[in-house]
Amino acid sequence: MTHKARKRFGQHFLNDTVLINETIKRFAPQSDECIVEIGPGQGALTYPLLNACTHLHAIEIDRDLVPILQERSKKHGQLTVHQQDVLTFDFHAFAQAHTRLRLIGNLPYNISSPLLFHLFSALDDIQDMVFMLQKEVADRLCAEPGTKSNGRLSIMAQYHCQIDHWFTVPPESFDPPPKVDSAIIRLRPRQKGNDFSIIDTADLNTVLLKAFATRRKTLQNNLKGMFSAEQIIAAGIDPSTRPETLGVAAYIKLTQLYRESLS
């Protein structure tokens, strides 16, 4: 039984055995953990994962792949496939019947950013996440202040998680090969209050949307109507700087300032 990759689902099936084995080794699944694979595709990660854990859950939008996965998984272990768009999957509700979740997957490139924001809202129920992503997205997640990759996704991800880059993956590791390099990263949710002050993430998102609305403009111009230059200076930030030059700590200060302005 074969299945042709579908462009509308952003499908690129991983077929690099060495990379798969090294990823599973680092991920180190345990039999008593609740592991959820996102976008199992043809099962490149699925079957090795099943060999290491008692029960694997997989979220797959492509209904034609479900019977293939279920049939091929029988000799490896217990697989439950949730045939659903992962962007609508309620991870919090699912976790209530399980232990904290460990997520892994080769994410569809056409939904990777919105999916990450969706997952950030469920981090209380997640132990860690290991994902294959378009390298450009991985670079944004890991971006340092002052680099052109630094943006809203960078700040939000780094506020929520510690991020480790594992591997860079060439196009030939997939079928069909994508036009760009990929990367495997690990995201571990931070303990609230340990690394950064606790803030309302909806407030942070509001500030980030406005701050990065026009990247070539200064912070003062982008935040006009939200803060005066004097308020930005009082927070210890140069209002003439560009938004990508600031890191998480600076945006936390601006978010706290925003919350105070609403009081």
C-alpha atoms as a PDB file:
ATOM      1  CA  MET A   1       0.000   0.000   0.000  1.00  0.00           C
ATOM      2  CA  THR A   2       1.582   3.286  -1.130  1.00  0.00           C
ATOM      3  CA  HIS A   3       0.660   6.894  -0.524  1.00  0.00           C
ATOM      4  CA  LYS A   4       1.681   9.919  -2.547  1.00  0.00           C
ATOM      5  CA  ALA A   5       2.638  13.033  -0.572  1.00  0.00           C
ATOM      6  CA  ARG A   6      -0.028  15.737  -0.713  1.00  0.00           C
ATOM      7  CA  LYS A   7       1.028  19.311  -1.199  1.00  0.00           C
ATOM      8  CA  ARG A   8      -2.029  20.742   0.558  1.00  0.00           C
ATOM      9  CA  PHE A   9      -0.969  18.998   3.775  1.00  0.00           C
ATOM     10  CA  GLY A  10       2.660  20.109   3.413  1.00  0.00           C
ATOM     11  CA  GLN A  11       3.782  16.476   3.334  1.00  0.00           C
ATOM     12  CA  HIS A  12       7.460  15.548   2.993  1.00  0.00           C
ATOM     13  CA  PHE A  13       8.100  12.034   4.262  1.00  0.00           C
ATOM     14  CA  LEU A  14      11.304  11.468   6.228  1.00  0.00           C
ATOM     15  CA  ASN A  15      13.336   8.501   4.951  1.00  0.00           C
ATOM     16  CA  ASP A  16      16.818   8.960   6.467  1.00  0.00           C
ATOM     17  CA  THR A  17      17.296   5.885   8.691  1.00  0.00           C
ATOM     18  CA  VAL A  18      20.461   7.157  10.384  1.00  0.00           C
ATOM     19  CA  LEU A  19      18.787  10.453  11.301  1.00  0.00           C
ATOM     20  CA  ILE A  20      15.644   8.680  12.503  1.00  0.00           C
ATOM     21  CA  ASN A  21      17.619   6.356  14.770  1.00  0.00           C
ATOM     22  CA  GLU A  22      19.716   9.185  16.221  1.00  0.00           C
ATOM     23  CA  THR A  23      16.597  11.276  16.876  1.00  0.00           C
ATOM     24  CA  ILE A  24      14.850   8.405  18.666  1.00  0.00           C
ATOM     25  CA  LYS A  25      18.016   7.745  20.687  1.00  0.00           C
ATOM     26  CA  ARG A  26      18.182  11.365  21.879  1.00  0.00           C
ATOM     27  CA  PHE A  27      14.445  11.549  22.499  1.00  0.00           C
ATOM     28  CA  ALA A  28      14.780   8.396  24.656  1.00  0.00           C
ATOM     29  CA  PRO A  29      11.097   7.401  24.940  1.00  0.00           C
ATOM     30  CA  GLN A  30      10.152   5.412  28.051  1.00  0.00           C
ATOM     31  CA  SER A  31       7.423   2.789  28.300  1.00  0.00           C
ATOM     32  CA  ASP A  32       5.488   4.666  31.013  1.00  0.00           C
ATOM     33  CA  GLU A  33       5.364   8.015  29.167  1.00  0.00           C
ATOM     34  CA  CYS A  34       2.476   9.439  27.162  1.00  0.00           C
ATOM     35  CA  ILE A  35       4.005  10.159  23.771  1.00  0.00           C
ATOM     36  CA  VAL A  36       2.132  11.937  20.996  1.00  0.00           C
ATOM     37  CA  GLU A  37       3.454  12.058  17.454  1.00  0.00           C
ATOM     38  CA  ILE A  38       2.276  14.923  15.261  1.00  0.00           C
ATOM     39  CA  GLY A  39       2.077  14.198  11.544  1.00  0.00           C
ATOM     40  CA  PRO A  40       3.240  10.557  11.451  1.00  0.00           C
ATOM     41  CA  GLY A  41       2.969  10.408   7.671  1.00  0.00           C
ATOM     42  CA  GLN A  42       4.088   6.961   6.514  1.00  0.00           C
ATOM     43  CA  GLY A  43       5.428   6.008   9.936  1.00  0.00           C
ATOM     44  CA  ALA A  44       9.168   6.698   9.657  1.00  0.00           C
ATOM     45  CA  LEU A  45       9.299   7.783  13.323  1.00  0.00           C
ATOM     46  CA  THR A  46       6.147   5.935  14.376  1.00  0.00           C
ATOM     47  CA  TYR A  47       7.377   2.361  14.220  1.00  0.00           C
ATOM     48  CA  PRO A  48      10.745   2.961  15.958  1.00  0.00           C
ATOM     49  CA  LEU A  49       8.852   4.872  18.666  1.00  0.00           C
ATOM     50  CA  LEU A  50       6.424   1.969  19.106  1.00  0.00           C
ATOM     51  CA  ASN A  51       9.343  -0.380  19.647  1.00  0.00           C
ATOM     52  CA  ALA A  52      10.345   1.717  22.664  1.00  0.00           C
ATOM     53  CA  CYS A  53       7.022   2.656  24.276  1.00  0.00           C
ATOM     54  CA  THR A  54       3.940   0.717  25.343  1.00  0.00           C
ATOM     55  CA  HIS A  55       1.362   2.906  23.612  1.00  0.00           C
ATOM     56  CA  LEU A  56       1.780   5.702  21.083  1.00  0.00           C
ATOM     57  CA  HIS A  57      -0.766   8.342  20.109  1.00  0.00           C
ATOM     58  CA  ALA A  58      -0.525   9.966  16.679  1.00  0.00           C
ATOM     59  CA  ILE A  59      -2.381  12.951  15.221  1.00  0.00           C
ATOM     60  CA  GLU A  60      -2.819  12.712  11.450  1.00  0.00           C
ATOM     61  CA  ILE A  61      -5.041  14.891   9.257  1.00  0.00           C
ATOM     62  CA  ASP A  62      -4.782  12.721   6.125  1.00  0.00           C
ATOM     63  CA  ARG A  63      -7.515  10.095   6.467  1.00  0.00           C
ATOM     64  CA  ASP A  64      -5.959   7.931   3.734  1.00  0.00           C
ATOM     65  CA  LEU A  65      -2.864   7.432   5.896  1.00  0.00           C
ATOM     66  CA  VAL A  66      -4.791   6.215   8.950  1.00  0.00           C
ATOM     67  CA  PRO A  67      -5.466   2.615   7.781  1.00  0.00           C
ATOM     68  CA  ILE A  68      -1.879   2.323   6.510  1.00  0.00           C
ATOM     69  CA  LEU A  69      -0.504   3.375   9.897  1.00  0.00           C
ATOM     70  CA  GLN A  70      -2.887   1.132  11.813  1.00  0.00           C
ATOM     71  CA  GLU A  71      -2.109  -1.929   9.699  1.00  0.00           C
ATOM     72  CA  ARG A  72       1.671  -1.536   9.681  1.00  0.00           C
ATOM     73  CA  SER A  73       1.842  -0.732  13.400  1.00  0.00           C
ATOM     74  CA  LYS A  74       0.340  -4.056  14.517  1.00  0.00           C
ATOM     75  CA  LYS A  75       3.679  -5.849  14.674  1.00  0.00           C
ATOM     76  CA  HIS A  76       5.321  -2.981  16.577  1.00  0.00           C
ATOM     77  CA  GLY A  77       2.911  -2.057  19.385  1.00  0.00           C
ATOM     78  CA  GLN A  78      -0.297  -0.245  20.297  1.00  0.00           C
ATOM     79  CA  LEU A  79      -0.984   2.803  18.138  1.00  0.00           C
ATOM     80  CA  THR A  80      -3.976   5.120  18.519  1.00  0.00           C
ATOM     81  CA  VAL A  81      -4.417   7.443  15.549  1.00  0.00           C
ATOM     82  CA  HIS A  82      -6.442  10.625  16.048  1.00  0.00           C
ATOM     83  CA  GLN A  83      -7.595  11.606  12.553  1.00  0.00           C
ATOM     84  CA  GLN A  84      -7.790  15.357  13.088  1.00  0.00           C
ATOM     85  CA  ASP A  85      -6.268  18.708  12.209  1.00  0.00           C
ATOM     86  CA  VAL A  86      -3.654  19.223  14.924  1.00  0.00           C
ATOM     87  CA  LEU A  87      -4.503  22.949  15.021  1.00  0.00           C
ATOM     88  CA  THR A  88      -7.887  21.991  16.507  1.00  0.00           C
ATOM     89  CA  PHE A  89      -6.590  19.265  18.830  1.00  0.00           C
ATOM     90  CA  ASP A  90      -7.233  20.021  22.521  1.00  0.00           C
ATOM     91  CA  PHE A  91      -3.969  18.992  24.183  1.00  0.00           C
ATOM     92  CA  HIS A  92      -5.136  20.183  27.601  1.00  0.00           C
ATOM     93  CA  ALA A  93      -8.280  18.038  27.548  1.00  0.00           C
ATOM     94  CA  PHE A  94      -6.314  15.055  26.229  1.00  0.00           C
ATOM     95  CA  ALA A  95      -3.697  15.386  28.977  1.00  0.00           C
ATOM     96  CA  GLN A  96      -6.326  15.178  31.739  1.00  0.00           C
ATOM     97  CA  ALA A  97      -6.584  11.427  31.146  1.00  0.00           C
ATOM     98  CA  HIS A  98      -2.827  10.954  30.872  1.00  0.00           C
ATOM     99  CA  THR A  99       0.475  12.040  32.383  1.00  0.00           C
ATOM    100  CA  ARG A 100       2.286  15.092  31.018  1.00  0.00           C
ATOM    101  CA  LEU A 101       2.779  14.736  27.301  1.00  0.00           C
ATOM    102  CA  ARG A 102       5.940  14.295  25.271  1.00  0.00           C
ATOM    103  CA  LEU A 103       5.462  15.481  21.700  1.00  0.00           C
ATOM    104  CA  ILE A 104       7.491  14.540  18.656  1.00  0.00           C
ATOM    105  CA  GLY A 105       6.959  14.938  14.941  1.00  0.00           C
ATOM    106  CA  ASN A 106       7.908  16.059  11.475  1.00  0.00           C
ATOM    107  CA  LEU A 107       5.694  19.150  11.397  1.00  0.00           C
ATOM    108  CA  PRO A 108       3.929  20.146   8.176  1.00  0.00           C
ATOM    109  CA  TYR A 109       5.872  23.200   7.031  1.00  0.00           C
ATOM    110  CA  ASN A 110       2.761  25.095   5.977  1.00  0.00           C
ATOM    111  CA  ILE A 111       1.376  25.219   9.544  1.00  0.00           C
ATOM    112  CA  SER A 112       4.493  25.104  11.736  1.00  0.00           C
ATOM    113  CA  SER A 113       4.290  28.670  13.107  1.00  0.00           C
ATOM    114  CA  PRO A 114       0.554  28.659  13.965  1.00  0.00           C
ATOM    115  CA  LEU A 115       0.963  25.181  15.443  1.00  0.00           C
ATOM    116  CA  LEU A 116       3.752  26.345  17.743  1.00  0.00           C
ATOM    117  CA  PHE A 117       1.577  29.210  19.017  1.00  0.00           C
ATOM    118  CA  HIS A 118      -1.226  26.675  19.556  1.00  0.00           C
ATOM    119  CA  LEU A 119       1.132  24.486  21.601  1.00  0.00           C
ATOM    120  CA  PHE A 120       2.394  27.404  23.698  1.00  0.00           C
ATOM    121  CA  SER A 121      -1.096  27.609  25.215  1.00  0.00           C
ATOM    122  CA  ALA A 122      -0.852  23.992  26.421  1.00  0.00           C
ATOM    123  CA  LEU A 123       2.630  23.938  27.949  1.00  0.00           C
ATOM    124  CA  ASP A 124       1.412  23.167  31.478  1.00  0.00           C
ATOM    125  CA  ASP A 125       0.535  19.725  30.120  1.00  0.00           C
ATOM    126  CA  ILE A 126       3.715  19.161  28.087  1.00  0.00           C
ATOM    127  CA  GLN A 127       7.053  17.773  29.272  1.00  0.00           C
ATOM    128  CA  ASP A 128       9.001  18.425  26.080  1.00  0.00           C
ATOM    129  CA  MET A 129       8.682  18.658  22.285  1.00  0.00           C
ATOM    130  CA  VAL A 130      11.042  17.418  19.575  1.00  0.00           C
ATOM    131  CA  PHE A 131      10.180  18.645  16.102  1.00  0.00           C
ATOM    132  CA  MET A 132      11.465  18.604  12.568  1.00  0.00           C
ATOM    133  CA  LEU A 133      10.933  22.094  11.148  1.00  0.00           C
ATOM    134  CA  GLN A 134      11.908  24.167   8.166  1.00  0.00           C
ATOM    135  CA  LYS A 135      15.378  25.473   9.087  1.00  0.00           C
ATOM    136  CA  GLU A 136      14.221  29.067   8.653  1.00  0.00           C
ATOM    137  CA  VAL A 137      11.602  28.519  11.372  1.00  0.00           C
ATOM    138  CA  ALA A 138      14.136  26.767  13.620  1.00  0.00           C
ATOM    139  CA  ASP A 139      16.505  29.720  13.160  1.00  0.00           C
ATOM    140  CA  ARG A 140      13.735  32.093  14.210  1.00  0.00           C
ATOM    141  CA  LEU A 141      13.007  30.034  17.314  1.00  0.00           C
ATOM    142  CA  CYS A 142      16.664  30.117  18.369  1.00  0.00           C
ATOM    143  CA  ALA A 143      17.394  33.690  17.188  1.00  0.00           C
ATOM    144  CA  GLU A 144      19.604  35.979  19.253  1.00  0.00           C
ATOM    145  CA  PRO A 145      18.750  39.668  19.811  1.00  0.00           C
ATOM    146  CA  GLY A 146      20.191  41.810  17.035  1.00  0.00           C
ATOM    147  CA  THR A 147      19.813  39.187  14.297  1.00  0.00           C
ATOM    148  CA  LYS A 148      17.368  39.491  11.421  1.00  0.00           C
ATOM    149  CA  SER A 149      15.710  36.194  12.407  1.00  0.00           C
ATOM    150  CA  ASN A 150      14.676  37.629  15.785  1.00  0.00           C
ATOM    151  CA  GLY A 151      10.962  38.375  15.879  1.00  0.00           C
ATOM    152  CA  ARG A 152       7.616  37.696  17.509  1.00  0.00           C
ATOM    153  CA  LEU A 153       7.971  33.905  17.263  1.00  0.00           C
ATOM    154  CA  SER A 154      11.503  34.059  18.719  1.00  0.00           C
ATOM    155  CA  ILE A 155      10.483  36.077  21.773  1.00  0.00           C
ATOM    156  CA  MET A 156       7.331  34.090  22.467  1.00  0.00           C
ATOM    157  CA  ALA A 157       9.113  30.742  22.081  1.00  0.00           C
ATOM    158  CA  GLN A 158      12.078  31.732  24.245  1.00  0.00           C
ATOM    159  CA  TYR A 159       9.802  33.135  26.954  1.00  0.00           C
ATOM    160  CA  HIS A 160       7.997  29.802  27.127  1.00  0.00           C
ATOM    161  CA  CYS A 161      10.769  27.288  26.417  1.00  0.00           C
ATOM    162  CA  GLN A 162      14.432  26.422  26.518  1.00  0.00           C
ATOM    163  CA  ILE A 163      15.354  25.523  22.946  1.00  0.00           C
ATOM    164  CA  ASP A 164      18.114  23.207  21.737  1.00  0.00           C
ATOM    165  CA  HIS A 165      19.157  22.733  18.113  1.00  0.00           C
ATOM    166  CA  TRP A 166      19.869  19.042  17.473  1.00  0.00           C
ATOM    167  CA  PHE A 167      20.467  18.563  13.748  1.00  0.00           C
ATOM    168  CA  THR A 168      20.390  20.336  10.408  1.00  0.00           C
ATOM    169  CA  VAL A 169      18.722  18.094   7.828  1.00  0.00           C
ATOM    170  CA  PRO A 170      19.295  18.290   4.045  1.00  0.00           C
ATOM    171  CA  PRO A 171      16.433  18.014   1.508  1.00  0.00           C
ATOM    172  CA  GLU A 172      17.532  14.558   0.332  1.00  0.00           C
ATOM    173  CA  SER A 173      16.472  13.101   3.694  1.00  0.00           C
ATOM    174  CA  PHE A 174      12.851  13.391   2.514  1.00  0.00           C
ATOM    175  CA  ASP A 175      10.546  12.117  -0.200  1.00  0.00           C
ATOM    176  CA  PRO A 176       9.679  14.307  -1.975  1.00  0.00           C
ATOM    177  CA  PRO A 177      12.646  16.549  -1.070  1.00  0.00           C
ATOM    178  CA  PRO A 178      11.640  20.060   0.044  1.00  0.00           C
ATOM    179  CA  LYS A 179      13.340  23.065  -1.528  1.00  0.00           C
ATOM    180  CA  VAL A 180      14.963  24.107   1.759  1.00  0.00           C
ATOM    181  CA  ASP A 181      17.008  22.663   4.618  1.00  0.00           C
ATOM    182  CA  SER A 182      15.262  21.450   7.747  1.00  0.00           C
ATOM    183  CA  ALA A 183      16.279  21.183  11.390  1.00  0.00           C
ATOM    184  CA  ILE A 184      15.400  19.099  14.429  1.00  0.00           C
ATOM    185  CA  ILE A 185      15.004  21.019  17.675  1.00  0.00           C
ATOM    186  CA  ARG A 186      13.932  20.288  21.219  1.00  0.00           C
ATOM    187  CA  LEU A 187      11.723  22.642  23.240  1.00  0.00           C
ATOM    188  CA  ARG A 188      11.456  22.236  27.021  1.00  0.00           C
ATOM    189  CA  PRO A 189       8.837  24.352  28.827  1.00  0.00           C
ATOM    190  CA  ARG A 190      10.356  26.672  31.427  1.00  0.00           C
ATOM    191  CA  GLN A 191       9.302  26.546  35.049  1.00  0.00           C
ATOM    192  CA  LYS A 192       7.169  29.652  35.525  1.00  0.00           C
ATOM    193  CA  GLY A 193       8.952  32.379  37.419  1.00  0.00           C
ATOM    194  CA  ASN A 194      12.372  30.671  37.421  1.00  0.00           C
ATOM    195  CA  ASP A 195      13.954  32.312  34.375  1.00  0.00           C
ATOM    196  CA  PHE A 196      11.647  35.243  33.663  1.00  0.00           C
ATOM    197  CA  SER A 197       8.996  37.210  35.522  1.00  0.00           C
ATOM    198  CA  ILE A 198       5.503  35.805  35.109  1.00  0.00           C
ATOM    199  CA  ILE A 199       3.425  37.916  32.729  1.00  0.00           C
ATOM    200  CA  ASP A 200       0.160  37.532  30.862  1.00  0.00           C
ATOM    201  CA  THR A 201       1.151  35.983  27.525  1.00  0.00           C
ATOM    202  CA  ALA A 202      -1.825  37.625  25.832  1.00  0.00           C
ATOM    203  CA  ASP A 203      -0.336  40.980  26.892  1.00  0.00           C
ATOM    204  CA  LEU A 204       3.081  39.896  25.595  1.00  0.00           C
ATOM    205  CA  ASN A 205       1.549  38.931  22.266  1.00  0.00           C
ATOM    206  CA  THR A 206      -0.204  42.308  22.022  1.00  0.00           C
ATOM    207  CA  VAL A 207       3.091  44.139  22.588  1.00  0.00           C
ATOM    208  CA  LEU A 208       4.973  41.916  20.130  1.00  0.00           C
ATOM    209  CA  LEU A 209       2.399  42.317  17.373  1.00  0.00           C
ATOM    210  CA  LYS A 210       2.702  46.079  17.631  1.00  0.00           C
ATOM    211  CA  ALA A 211       6.485  46.146  18.120  1.00  0.00           C
ATOM    212  CA  PHE A 212       7.155  44.000  15.046  1.00  0.00           C
ATOM    213  CA  ALA A 213       4.411  45.488  12.877  1.00  0.00           C
ATOM    214  CA  THR A 214       7.046  47.235  10.734  1.00  0.00           C
ATOM    215  CA  ARG A 215      10.538  45.852  11.220  1.00  0.00           C
ATOM    216  CA  ARG A 216      12.399  48.788   9.639  1.00  0.00           C
ATOM    217  CA  LYS A 217      10.828  51.328  11.973  1.00  0.00           C
ATOM    218  CA  THR A 218      12.091  52.163  15.441  1.00  0.00           C
ATOM    219  CA  LEU A 219      10.486  50.836  18.584  1.00  0.00           C
ATOM    220  CA  GLN A 220       9.145  54.315  19.347  1.00  0.00           C
ATOM    221  CA  ASN A 221       7.366  54.525  15.985  1.00  0.00           C
ATOM    222  CA  ASN A 222       5.907  51.032  16.179  1.00  0.00           C
ATOM    223  CA  LEU A 223       4.717  51.456  19.762  1.00  0.00           C
ATOM    224  CA  LYS A 224       3.206  54.894  19.163  1.00  0.00           C
ATOM    225  CA  GLY A 225      -0.162  55.061  20.873  1.00  0.00           C
ATOM    226  CA  MET A 226       0.859  52.377  23.351  1.00  0.00           C
ATOM    227  CA  PHE A 227       3.844  54.077  25.055  1.00  0.00           C
ATOM    228  CA  SER A 228       5.543  57.450  24.958  1.00  0.00           C
ATOM    229  CA  ALA A 229       9.293  57.689  24.376  1.00  0.00           C
ATOM    230  CA  GLU A 230       9.651  58.716  28.024  1.00  0.00           C
ATOM    231  CA  GLN A 231       7.891  55.557  29.212  1.00  0.00           C
ATOM    232  CA  ILE A 232      10.140  53.366  27.068  1.00  0.00           C
ATOM    233  CA  ILE A 233      13.236  55.120  28.432  1.00  0.00           C
ATOM    234  CA  ALA A 234      11.943  54.677  31.994  1.00  0.00           C
ATOM    235  CA  ALA A 235      11.818  50.920  31.319  1.00  0.00           C
ATOM    236  CA  GLY A 236      15.535  51.059  30.526  1.00  0.00           C
ATOM    237  CA  ILE A 237      15.095  50.685  26.766  1.00  0.00           C
ATOM    238  CA  ASP A 238      16.311  52.959  23.973  1.00  0.00           C
ATOM    239  CA  PRO A 239      13.190  54.022  22.013  1.00  0.00           C
ATOM    240  CA  SER A 240      15.262  54.629  18.858  1.00  0.00           C
ATOM    241  CA  THR A 241      16.300  50.979  18.628  1.00  0.00           C
ATOM    242  CA  ARG A 242      14.713  48.547  16.187  1.00  0.00           C
ATOM    243  CA  PRO A 243      12.455  45.773  17.535  1.00  0.00           C
ATOM    244  CA  GLU A 244      14.727  42.873  16.506  1.00  0.00           C
ATOM    245  CA  THR A 245      17.596  44.195  18.654  1.00  0.00           C
ATOM    246  CA  LEU A 246      15.733  43.409  21.904  1.00  0.00           C
ATOM    247  CA  GLY A 247      15.551  40.097  23.740  1.00  0.00           C
ATOM    248  CA  VAL A 248      12.972  38.448  25.977  1.00  0.00           C
ATOM    249  CA  ALA A 249      13.823  40.429  29.132  1.00  0.00           C
ATOM    250  CA  ALA A 250      13.225  43.775  27.396  1.00  0.00           C
ATOM    251  CA  TYR A 251       9.860  42.668  26.029  1.00  0.00           C
ATOM    252  CA  ILE A 252       8.849  41.466  29.482  1.00  0.00           C
ATOM    253  CA  LYS A 253       9.523  44.996  30.773  1.00  0.00           C
ATOM    254  CA  LEU A 254       7.406  46.463  27.985  1.00  0.00           C
ATOM    255  CA  THR A 255       4.637  43.968  28.721  1.00  0.00           C
ATOM    256  CA  GLN A 256       4.669  44.913  32.403  1.00  0.00           C
ATOM    257  CA  LEU A 257       4.502  48.565  31.365  1.00  0.00           C
ATOM    258  CA  TYR A 258       1.547  47.774  29.110  1.00  0.00           C
ATOM    259  CA  ARG A 259      -0.285  46.001  31.936  1.00  0.00           C
ATOM    260  CA  GLU A 260       0.316  48.966  34.274  1.00  0.00           C
ATOM    261  CA  SER A 261      -1.094  51.336  31.649  1.00  0.00           C
ATOM    262  CA  LEU A 262      -4.358  49.351  31.649  1.00  0.00           C
ATOM    263  CA  SER A 263      -4.809  49.656  35.416  1.00  0.00           C
END
